[in-house]
C-alpha atoms as a PDB file:
ATOM      1  CA  MET A   1      31.261  -2.567  25.398  1.00  0.00           C
ATOM      2  CA  ALA A   2      32.186  -4.932  22.558  1.00  0.00           C
ATOM      3  CA  LEU A   3      29.491  -6.188  20.181  1.00  0.00           C
ATOM      4  CA  PRO A   4      29.346  -9.753  21.607  1.00  0.00           C
ATOM      5  CA  GLU A   5      28.910  -8.330  25.086  1.00  0.00           C
ATOM      6  CA  ARG A   6      26.140  -5.961  23.913  1.00  0.00           C
ATOM      7  CA  LEU A   7      24.346  -8.827  22.217  1.00  0.00           C
ATOM      8  CA  ALA A   8      24.654 -10.971  25.316  1.00  0.00           C
ATOM      9  CA  SER A   9      23.297  -8.119  27.422  1.00  0.00           C
ATOM     10  CA  VAL A  10      20.291  -7.621  25.152  1.00  0.00           C
ATOM     11  CA  LEU A  11      19.486 -11.327  25.142  1.00  0.00           C
ATOM     12  CA  THR A  12      19.911 -11.615  28.892  1.00  0.00           C
ATOM     13  CA  ASP A  13      17.801  -8.554  29.680  1.00  0.00           C
ATOM     14  CA  PRO A  14      15.718  -7.684  26.566  1.00  0.00           C
ATOM     15  CA  PRO A  15      14.287  -4.159  26.293  1.00  0.00           C
ATOM     16  CA  ARG A  16      10.695  -4.015  27.526  1.00  0.00           C
ATOM     17  CA  ALA A  17       9.571  -2.779  24.125  1.00  0.00           C
ATOM     18  CA  PHE A  18      10.391  -6.251  22.769  1.00  0.00           C
ATOM     19  CA  SER A  19       8.577  -8.279  25.427  1.00  0.00           C
ATOM     20  CA  PRO A  20       5.802 -10.716  24.446  1.00  0.00           C
ATOM     21  CA  VAL A  21       2.386  -9.075  23.879  1.00  0.00           C
ATOM     22  CA  PRO A  22      -0.250 -11.584  25.072  1.00  0.00           C
ATOM     23  CA  LEU A  23      -4.005 -11.068  24.976  1.00  0.00           C
ATOM     24  CA  TRP A  24      -5.365 -10.133  28.405  1.00  0.00           C
ATOM     25  CA  TRP A  25      -8.963 -11.376  28.390  1.00  0.00           C
ATOM     26  CA  TRP A  26     -11.366  -9.293  30.453  1.00  0.00           C
ATOM     27  CA  SER A  27     -14.108 -11.907  30.440  1.00  0.00           C
ATOM     28  CA  GLY A  28     -15.402 -14.817  32.501  1.00  0.00           C
ATOM     29  CA  GLU A  29     -15.792 -13.055  35.864  1.00  0.00           C
ATOM     30  CA  PRO A  30     -16.568  -9.525  37.063  1.00  0.00           C
ATOM     31  CA  LEU A  31     -13.590  -7.185  36.888  1.00  0.00           C
ATOM     32  CA  ASP A  32     -11.981  -6.401  40.220  1.00  0.00           C
ATOM     33  CA  PRO A  33      -9.398  -3.580  40.477  1.00  0.00           C
ATOM     34  CA  ALA A  34      -7.308  -5.407  43.094  1.00  0.00           C
ATOM     35  CA  ARG A  35      -7.221  -8.600  41.056  1.00  0.00           C
ATOM     36  CA  LEU A  36      -6.341  -6.706  37.873  1.00  0.00           C
ATOM     37  CA  ARG A  37      -3.431  -5.081  39.714  1.00  0.00           C
ATOM     38  CA  TRP A  38      -2.343  -8.499  41.017  1.00  0.00           C
ATOM     39  CA  GLN A  39      -2.422  -9.926  37.490  1.00  0.00           C
ATOM     40  CA  LEU A  40      -0.331  -7.039  36.184  1.00  0.00           C
ATOM     41  CA  GLU A  41       2.263  -7.711  38.861  1.00  0.00           C
ATOM     42  CA  ARG A  42       2.379 -11.403  37.906  1.00  0.00           C
ATOM     43  CA  PHE A  43       2.901 -10.446  34.242  1.00  0.00           C
ATOM     44  CA  VAL A  44       5.818  -8.233  35.209  1.00  0.00           C
ATOM     45  CA  GLU A  45       7.336 -11.017  37.315  1.00  0.00           C
ATOM     46  CA  GLY A  46       7.184 -13.203  34.204  1.00  0.00           C
ATOM     47  CA  GLY A  47       8.905 -10.643  31.998  1.00  0.00           C
ATOM     48  CA  VAL A  48       5.758  -9.515  30.172  1.00  0.00           C
ATOM     49  CA  TYR A  49       5.613  -5.737  29.770  1.00  0.00           C
ATOM     50  CA  GLN A  50       2.997  -5.359  27.035  1.00  0.00           C
ATOM     51  CA  LEU A  51      -0.618  -6.540  27.030  1.00  0.00           C
ATOM     52  CA  VAL A  52      -3.630  -6.373  24.706  1.00  0.00           C
ATOM     53  CA  VAL A  53      -6.848  -5.776  26.674  1.00  0.00           C
ATOM     54  CA  LEU A  54      -9.597  -7.751  24.949  1.00  0.00           C
ATOM     55  CA  ASN A  55     -13.239  -8.455  25.789  1.00  0.00           C
ATOM     56  CA  LEU A  56     -14.655 -11.778  24.581  1.00  0.00           C
ATOM     57  CA  ALA A  57     -18.345 -11.090  25.263  1.00  0.00           C
ATOM     58  CA  PRO A  58     -18.584  -7.283  25.103  1.00  0.00           C
ATOM     59  CA  ALA A  59     -22.312  -6.996  24.404  1.00  0.00           C
ATOM     60  CA  GLY A  60     -23.755 -10.163  25.932  1.00  0.00           C
ATOM     61  CA  THR A  61     -23.170 -13.905  26.212  1.00  0.00           C
ATOM     62  CA  ASP A  62     -20.911 -15.060  23.378  1.00  0.00           C
ATOM     63  CA  HIS A  63     -18.493 -17.883  22.512  1.00  0.00           C
ATOM     64  CA  GLY A  64     -19.803 -19.888  25.469  1.00  0.00           C
ATOM     65  CA  CYS A  65     -18.803 -17.097  27.854  1.00  0.00           C
ATOM     66  CA  ASP A  66     -20.999 -15.119  30.220  1.00  0.00           C
ATOM     67  CA  ALA A  67     -21.566 -11.483  29.329  1.00  0.00           C
ATOM     68  CA  ASP A  68     -18.649  -9.284  30.326  1.00  0.00           C
ATOM     69  CA  ASP A  69     -19.104  -7.523  33.647  1.00  0.00           C
ATOM     70  CA  PRO A  70     -18.953  -4.590  33.417  1.00  0.00           C
ATOM     71  CA  PRO A  71     -20.090  -4.331  29.795  1.00  0.00           C
ATOM     72  CA  PHE A  72     -17.534  -3.071  27.304  1.00  0.00           C
ATOM     73  CA  PHE A  73     -17.435   0.750  27.071  1.00  0.00           C
ATOM     74  CA  SER A  74     -19.808   1.228  30.005  1.00  0.00           C
ATOM     75  CA  GLU A  75     -18.819   3.826  32.587  1.00  0.00           C
ATOM     76  CA  ARG A  76     -17.730   1.084  34.986  1.00  0.00           C
ATOM     77  CA  TRP A  77     -15.628  -0.491  32.245  1.00  0.00           C
ATOM     78  CA  TRP A  78     -13.900   2.828  31.632  1.00  0.00           C
ATOM     79  CA  GLU A  79     -13.253   3.197  35.364  1.00  0.00           C
ATOM     80  CA  SER A  80     -11.554  -0.215  35.339  1.00  0.00           C
ATOM     81  CA  PHE A  81      -9.560   0.540  32.198  1.00  0.00           C
ATOM     82  CA  LEU A  82      -8.332   3.924  33.406  1.00  0.00           C
ATOM     83  CA  GLY A  83      -7.376   2.424  36.768  1.00  0.00           C
ATOM     84  CA  VAL A  84      -5.413  -0.300  35.002  1.00  0.00           C
ATOM     85  CA  CYS A  85      -3.696   2.360  32.895  1.00  0.00           C
ATOM     86  CA  ASP A  86      -2.457   4.016  36.072  1.00  0.00           C
ATOM     87  CA  ASP A  87      -1.325   0.676  37.524  1.00  0.00           C
ATOM     88  CA  ALA A  88       0.417  -0.217  34.268  1.00  0.00           C
ATOM     89  CA  ALA A  89       2.229   3.115  34.213  1.00  0.00           C
ATOM     90  CA  SER A  90       3.518   2.567  37.732  1.00  0.00           C
ATOM     91  CA  LEU A  91       4.773  -0.921  36.798  1.00  0.00           C
ATOM     92  CA  GLY A  92       6.324   0.052  33.471  1.00  0.00           C
ATOM     93  CA  VAL A  93       3.774  -1.909  31.413  1.00  0.00           C
ATOM     94  CA  SER A  94       2.446  -0.792  28.037  1.00  0.00           C
ATOM     95  CA  LEU A  95      -1.158  -1.543  27.053  1.00  0.00           C
ATOM     96  CA  TRP A  96      -2.888  -2.067  23.728  1.00  0.00           C
ATOM     97  CA  PHE A  97      -6.645  -1.955  23.250  1.00  0.00           C
ATOM     98  CA  TYR A  98      -8.622  -4.257  20.983  1.00  0.00           C
ATOM     99  CA  ASP A  99     -10.857  -2.248  18.650  1.00  0.00           C
ATOM    100  CA  GLN A 100     -13.702  -4.847  18.584  1.00  0.00           C
ATOM    101  CA  LEU A 101     -14.191  -4.315  14.831  1.00  0.00           C
ATOM    102  CA  GLY A 102     -13.320  -7.824  13.647  1.00  0.00           C
ATOM    103  CA  PHE A 103     -13.565 -10.909  15.865  1.00  0.00           C
ATOM    104  CA  SER A 104     -16.164  -9.493  18.215  1.00  0.00           C
ATOM    105  CA  GLY A 105     -19.686  -9.682  19.520  1.00  0.00           C
ATOM    106  CA  ALA A 106     -19.810  -5.940  20.161  1.00  0.00           C
ATOM    107  CA  ASP A 107     -21.859  -5.353  16.966  1.00  0.00           C
ATOM    108  CA  ILE A 108     -20.471  -1.833  16.643  1.00  0.00           C
ATOM    109  CA  GLN A 109     -20.916  -1.762  12.865  1.00  0.00           C
ATOM    110  CA  ALA A 110     -24.461  -3.141  13.076  1.00  0.00           C
ATOM    111  CA  ARG A 111     -25.452  -0.497  15.602  1.00  0.00           C
ATOM    112  CA  LEU A 112     -24.042   2.246  13.393  1.00  0.00           C
ATOM    113  CA  VAL A 113     -26.023   0.919  10.412  1.00  0.00           C
ATOM    114  CA  ALA A 114     -29.180   0.795  12.549  1.00  0.00           C
ATOM    115  CA  ARG A 115     -28.740   4.482  13.316  1.00  0.00           C
ATOM    116  CA  GLN A 116     -27.532   5.433   9.844  1.00  0.00           C
ATOM    117  CA  PRO A 117     -28.800   2.995   7.144  1.00  0.00           C
ATOM    118  CA  ALA A 118     -26.594   4.666   4.509  1.00  0.00           C
ATOM    119  CA  PHE A 119     -23.607   3.003   6.211  1.00  0.00           C
ATOM    120  CA  ALA A 120     -24.775  -0.459   5.130  1.00  0.00           C
ATOM    121  CA  GLY A 121     -22.491  -2.326   2.784  1.00  0.00           C
ATOM    122  CA  ARG A 122     -23.738  -3.631  -0.536  1.00  0.00           C
ATOM    123  CA  ARG A 123     -23.294  -6.962  -2.257  1.00  0.00           C
ATOM    124  CA  LEU A 124     -23.309  -7.289  -6.029  1.00  0.00           C
ATOM    125  CA  GLN A 125     -25.375 -10.206  -7.313  1.00  0.00           C
ATOM    126  CA  ARG A 126     -26.615 -11.641 -10.612  1.00  0.00           C
ATOM    127  CA  LEU A 127     -29.571 -13.575 -11.994  1.00  0.00           C
ATOM    128  CA  THR A 128     -29.347 -15.296 -15.387  1.00  0.00           C
ATOM    129  CA  VAL A 129     -31.686 -17.134 -17.710  1.00  0.00           C
ATOM    130  CA  SER A 130     -30.877 -18.777 -21.055  1.00  0.00           C
ATOM    131  CA  GLY A 131     -33.076 -19.936 -23.881  1.00  0.00           C
ATOM    132  CA  THR A 132     -35.252 -18.715 -26.733  1.00  0.00           C
ATOM    133  CA  GLY A 133     -38.551 -16.875 -26.860  1.00  0.00           C
ATOM    134  CA  GLN A 134     -39.536 -14.570 -24.026  1.00  0.00           C
ATOM    135  CA  LEU A 135     -36.798 -14.262 -21.380  1.00  0.00           C
ATOM    136  CA  VAL A 136     -37.840 -12.540 -18.146  1.00  0.00           C
ATOM    137  CA  LEU A 137     -35.960 -11.702 -14.951  1.00  0.00           C
ATOM    138  CA  ARG A 138     -37.263  -9.891 -11.880  1.00  0.00           C
ATOM    139  CA  CYS A 139     -35.145  -8.348  -9.157  1.00  0.00           C
ATOM    140  CA  PRO A 140     -35.659 -10.273  -5.881  1.00  0.00           C
ATOM    141  CA  ALA A 141     -37.339  -8.623  -2.923  1.00  0.00           C
ATOM    142  CA  GLY A 142     -34.847  -6.491  -1.039  1.00  0.00           C
ATOM    143  CA  GLY A 143     -32.643  -6.103  -4.115  1.00  0.00           C
ATOM    144  CA  ARG A 144     -32.083  -3.020  -6.245  1.00  0.00           C
ATOM    145  CA  ALA A 145     -31.542  -3.474  -9.976  1.00  0.00           C
ATOM    146  CA  ILE A 146     -28.351  -2.006 -11.439  1.00  0.00           C
ATOM    147  CA  SER A 147     -28.319  -3.124 -15.079  1.00  0.00           C
ATOM    148  CA  ALA A 148     -29.151  -5.967 -17.450  1.00  0.00           C
ATOM    149  CA  VAL A 149     -27.264  -7.510 -20.357  1.00  0.00           C
ATOM    150  CA  LEU A 150     -28.423  -9.740 -23.196  1.00  0.00           C
ATOM    151  CA  ASP A 151     -25.489 -11.580 -24.771  1.00  0.00           C
ATOM    152  CA  GLY A 152     -23.172  -8.709 -23.897  1.00  0.00           C
ATOM    153  CA  GLU A 153     -25.541  -5.923 -24.959  1.00  0.00           C
ATOM    154  CA  VAL A 154     -27.117  -3.610 -22.376  1.00  0.00           C
ATOM    155  CA  VAL A 155     -30.922  -3.787 -22.238  1.00  0.00           C
ATOM    156  CA  PRO A 156     -33.299  -1.608 -20.215  1.00  0.00           C
ATOM    157  CA  VAL A 157     -34.580  -2.522 -16.767  1.00  0.00           C
ATOM    158  CA  VAL A 158     -38.070  -1.235 -15.922  1.00  0.00           C
ATOM    159  CA  ASP A 159     -39.338  -1.303 -12.337  1.00  0.00           C
ATOM    160  CA  GLY A 160     -36.813  -3.973 -11.421  1.00  0.00           C
ATOM    161  CA  GLN A 161     -37.755  -6.251 -14.320  1.00  0.00           C
ATOM    162  CA  VAL A 162     -36.169  -7.003 -17.688  1.00  0.00           C
ATOM    163  CA  GLU A 163     -37.868  -8.763 -20.614  1.00  0.00           C
ATOM    164  CA  CYS A 164     -36.399  -9.763 -23.974  1.00  0.00           C
ATOM    165  CA  SER A 165     -37.791 -11.747 -26.889  1.00  0.00           C
ATOM    166  CA  VAL A 166     -35.139 -13.746 -28.768  1.00  0.00           C
ATOM    167  CA  VAL A 167     -35.248 -16.253 -31.621  1.00  0.00           C
ATOM    168  CA  THR A 168     -31.854 -17.851 -31.048  1.00  0.00           C
ATOM    169  CA  GLU A 169     -30.326 -19.306 -27.902  1.00  0.00           C
ATOM    170  CA  SER A 170     -29.372 -16.318 -25.726  1.00  0.00           C
ATOM    171  CA  ARG A 171     -28.455 -15.472 -22.164  1.00  0.00           C
ATOM    172  CA  LEU A 172     -30.062 -12.660 -20.202  1.00  0.00           C
ATOM    173  CA  SER A 173     -28.432 -11.379 -17.002  1.00  0.00           C
ATOM    174  CA  LEU A 174     -29.833  -9.018 -14.392  1.00  0.00           C
ATOM    175  CA  PHE A 175     -27.374  -7.402 -11.987  1.00  0.00           C
ATOM    176  CA  TYR A 176     -28.577  -6.087  -8.656  1.00  0.00           C
ATOM    177  CA  GLU A 177     -27.378  -5.057  -5.216  1.00  0.00           C
ATOM    178  CA  THR A 178     -28.475  -6.037  -1.728  1.00  0.00           C
ATOM    179  CA  ASP A 179     -27.561  -4.574   1.648  1.00  0.00           C
ATOM    180  CA  HIS A 180     -24.901  -6.631   3.385  1.00  0.00           C
ATOM    181  CA  GLY A 181     -22.848  -5.800   6.453  1.00  0.00           C
ATOM    182  CA  PHE A 182     -20.963  -2.520   6.779  1.00  0.00           C
ATOM    183  CA  ASP A 183     -19.696  -0.264   3.989  1.00  0.00           C
ATOM    184  CA  TYR A 184     -15.923  -0.303   4.474  1.00  0.00           C
ATOM    185  CA  LEU A 185     -15.650   1.412   1.083  1.00  0.00           C
ATOM    186  CA  SER A 186     -17.378   4.560   2.370  1.00  0.00           C
ATOM    187  CA  PRO A 187     -15.117   7.282   3.846  1.00  0.00           C
ATOM    188  CA  ALA A 188     -18.048   8.663   5.853  1.00  0.00           C
ATOM    189  CA  ALA A 189     -19.010   5.264   7.282  1.00  0.00           C
ATOM    190  CA  CYS A 190     -15.407   4.427   8.181  1.00  0.00           C
ATOM    191  CA  ALA A 191     -14.862   7.828   9.778  1.00  0.00           C
ATOM    192  CA  ALA A 192     -17.928   7.260  11.969  1.00  0.00           C
ATOM    193  CA  LEU A 193     -16.722   3.766  12.861  1.00  0.00           C
ATOM    194  CA  LEU A 194     -13.236   4.935  13.835  1.00  0.00           C
ATOM    195  CA  ASP A 195     -14.707   7.770  15.876  1.00  0.00           C
ATOM    196  CA  GLN A 196     -16.972   5.302  17.663  1.00  0.00           C
ATOM    197  CA  VAL A 197     -13.992   3.308  18.963  1.00  0.00           C
ATOM    198  CA  HIS A 198     -10.613   4.968  18.474  1.00  0.00           C
ATOM    199  CA  GLY A 199     -12.120   8.415  18.896  1.00  0.00           C
ATOM    200  CA  GLU A 200     -13.634   7.424  22.234  1.00  0.00           C
ATOM    201  CA  PHE A 201     -10.299   6.055  23.458  1.00  0.00           C
ATOM    202  CA  GLU A 202      -8.698   9.338  22.451  1.00  0.00           C
ATOM    203  CA  ARG A 203     -11.334  11.342  24.317  1.00  0.00           C
ATOM    204  CA  ARG A 204     -11.160   9.187  27.443  1.00  0.00           C
ATOM    205  CA  LEU A 205      -7.430   8.548  27.729  1.00  0.00           C
ATOM    206  CA  GLY A 206      -5.979  12.013  27.299  1.00  0.00           C
ATOM    207  CA  ASP A 207      -2.197  11.957  27.704  1.00  0.00           C
ATOM    208  CA  ARG A 208      -2.272   8.244  28.576  1.00  0.00           C
ATOM    209  CA  LEU A 209      -2.722   7.586  24.854  1.00  0.00           C
ATOM    210  CA  GLY A 210       0.694   7.251  23.270  1.00  0.00           C
ATOM    211  CA  GLN A 211       2.351   6.750  26.648  1.00  0.00           C
ATOM    212  CA  VAL A 212       0.922   3.862  28.657  1.00  0.00           C
ATOM    213  CA  VAL A 213      -1.546   2.923  25.874  1.00  0.00           C
ATOM    214  CA  VAL A 214       0.737   2.489  22.897  1.00  0.00           C
ATOM    215  CA  GLY A 215      -1.534   1.103  20.192  1.00  0.00           C
ATOM    216  CA  SER A 216      -4.649  -0.708  19.071  1.00  0.00           C
ATOM    217  CA  PHE A 217      -4.993  -4.293  17.908  1.00  0.00           C
ATOM    218  CA  GLN A 218      -7.148  -5.507  15.001  1.00  0.00           C
ATOM    219  CA  ASP A 219      -8.106  -9.103  14.343  1.00  0.00           C
ATOM    220  CA  GLU A 220     -10.058 -10.678  11.479  1.00  0.00           C
ATOM    221  CA  LEU A 221     -11.657  -7.661   9.840  1.00  0.00           C
ATOM    222  CA  PRO A 222     -14.725  -8.873   7.900  1.00  0.00           C
ATOM    223  CA  SER A 223     -14.586  -9.029   4.118  1.00  0.00           C
ATOM    224  CA  VAL A 224     -15.152  -5.709   2.382  1.00  0.00           C
ATOM    225  CA  PRO A 225     -18.375  -5.352   0.393  1.00  0.00           C
ATOM    226  CA  THR A 226     -18.384  -6.106  -3.332  1.00  0.00           C
ATOM    227  CA  TRP A 227     -20.305  -2.943  -4.207  1.00  0.00           C
ATOM    228  CA  SER A 228     -21.076   0.481  -2.789  1.00  0.00           C
ATOM    229  CA  ALA A 229     -23.375   3.421  -3.442  1.00  0.00           C
ATOM    230  CA  GLU A 230     -20.621   5.532  -5.003  1.00  0.00           C
ATOM    231  CA  PHE A 231     -18.544   2.872  -6.738  1.00  0.00           C
ATOM    232  CA  ALA A 232     -19.998   3.137 -10.256  1.00  0.00           C
ATOM    233  CA  GLU A 233     -19.704   6.924 -10.436  1.00  0.00           C
ATOM    234  CA  LEU A 234     -16.179   6.919  -9.016  1.00  0.00           C
ATOM    235  CA  PHE A 235     -15.178   4.216 -11.495  1.00  0.00           C
ATOM    236  CA  LEU A 236     -16.650   6.225 -14.396  1.00  0.00           C
ATOM    237  CA  ALA A 237     -14.729   9.331 -13.330  1.00  0.00           C
ATOM    238  CA  ARG A 238     -11.454   7.419 -13.033  1.00  0.00           C
ATOM    239  CA  TYR A 239     -11.594   5.080 -16.043  1.00  0.00           C
ATOM    240  CA  GLY A 240     -13.917   6.844 -18.470  1.00  0.00           C
ATOM    241  CA  TYR A 241     -16.575   4.177 -18.934  1.00  0.00           C
ATOM    242  CA  ASP A 242     -19.565   2.930 -16.978  1.00  0.00           C
ATOM    243  CA  VAL A 243     -18.893  -0.417 -15.322  1.00  0.00           C
ATOM    244  CA  ARG A 244     -22.646  -0.984 -15.047  1.00  0.00           C
ATOM    245  CA  ASP A 245     -22.637  -1.569 -18.817  1.00  0.00           C
ATOM    246  CA  ARG A 246     -19.964  -4.277 -18.547  1.00  0.00           C
ATOM    247  CA  MET A 247     -20.911  -6.452 -15.619  1.00  0.00           C
ATOM    248  CA  ASP A 248     -20.638  -9.895 -17.211  1.00  0.00           C
ATOM    249  CA  PRO A 249     -16.815 -10.003 -17.023  1.00  0.00           C
ATOM    250  CA  LEU A 250     -17.017  -9.751 -13.233  1.00  0.00           C
ATOM    251  CA  TRP A 251     -18.407 -13.302 -13.256  1.00  0.00           C
ATOM    252  CA  GLU A 252     -16.716 -14.627 -16.402  1.00  0.00           C
ATOM    253  CA  LEU A 253     -13.039 -13.783 -15.871  1.00  0.00           C
ATOM    254  CA  ASP A 254     -11.060 -15.713 -13.294  1.00  0.00           C
ATOM    255  CA  VAL A 255      -8.956 -12.732 -12.183  1.00  0.00           C
ATOM    256  CA  PRO A 256      -9.117 -10.405  -9.156  1.00  0.00           C
ATOM    257  CA  ALA A 257     -12.115  -8.071  -9.185  1.00  0.00           C
ATOM    258  CA  GLY A 258     -10.055  -4.869  -9.501  1.00  0.00           C
ATOM    259  CA  ALA A 259      -8.212  -6.258 -12.528  1.00  0.00           C
ATOM    260  CA  ARG A 260     -11.512  -7.372 -14.066  1.00  0.00           C
ATOM    261  CA  LEU A 261     -12.900  -3.869 -13.958  1.00  0.00           C
ATOM    262  CA  ARG A 262      -9.788  -2.186 -15.349  1.00  0.00           C
ATOM    263  CA  GLN A 263      -9.641  -4.507 -18.326  1.00  0.00           C
ATOM    264  CA  GLY A 264     -12.761  -2.833 -19.730  1.00  0.00           C
END
């Protein structure tokens, strides 16, 4: 077949692997196996051979939508999903699953942190005071002091408080961390998170994974934390100096955070 004819054939009857991949919302009404099968058949009639299964309200009422029925990852939900996998296989449809880690009300990360507080992310913050005489800063409740700097020189922090007496106009800064969200910088936390979702799909799907279920979809992953429990020590090992002694540039230089730290 000549090239123009092959191109015409592809455009007239595109391979199923290149079909649109719409989101298939499993929310709004209780799931019904017969209706799910009917919807799959309508997709196929419309030339859609790939679908992303996504729950809008996986853990309760959300986004103005009633709670999903059955709840996401419940035994009844898995029964519905596995049944749809079998229907999809018989119709030549490929499925994707949404991992519920970004745009989601599933609160998977929050539940992991509740069970394992070490998985909490950390946010780097700063307090400053300028003037003469006695300058005092105290770490806010819920914060943990990291270091303090007086006009670029490291000064000691005692029990979350730093005090300095100066005779000329000076600036004192106290750097501290607070818990915030999930620690995407932690290999252990991320491994637990992936096991919670992707690992469960692997355990449940068996040989359906990679055949009828061809991938996972991610949407709007939250911002990574600005600090972590191991960051300072890892930075010291890699770059040879302690970033906790040079925190001011993180706020003073208008460059990406990674570049700020490497400048030393």
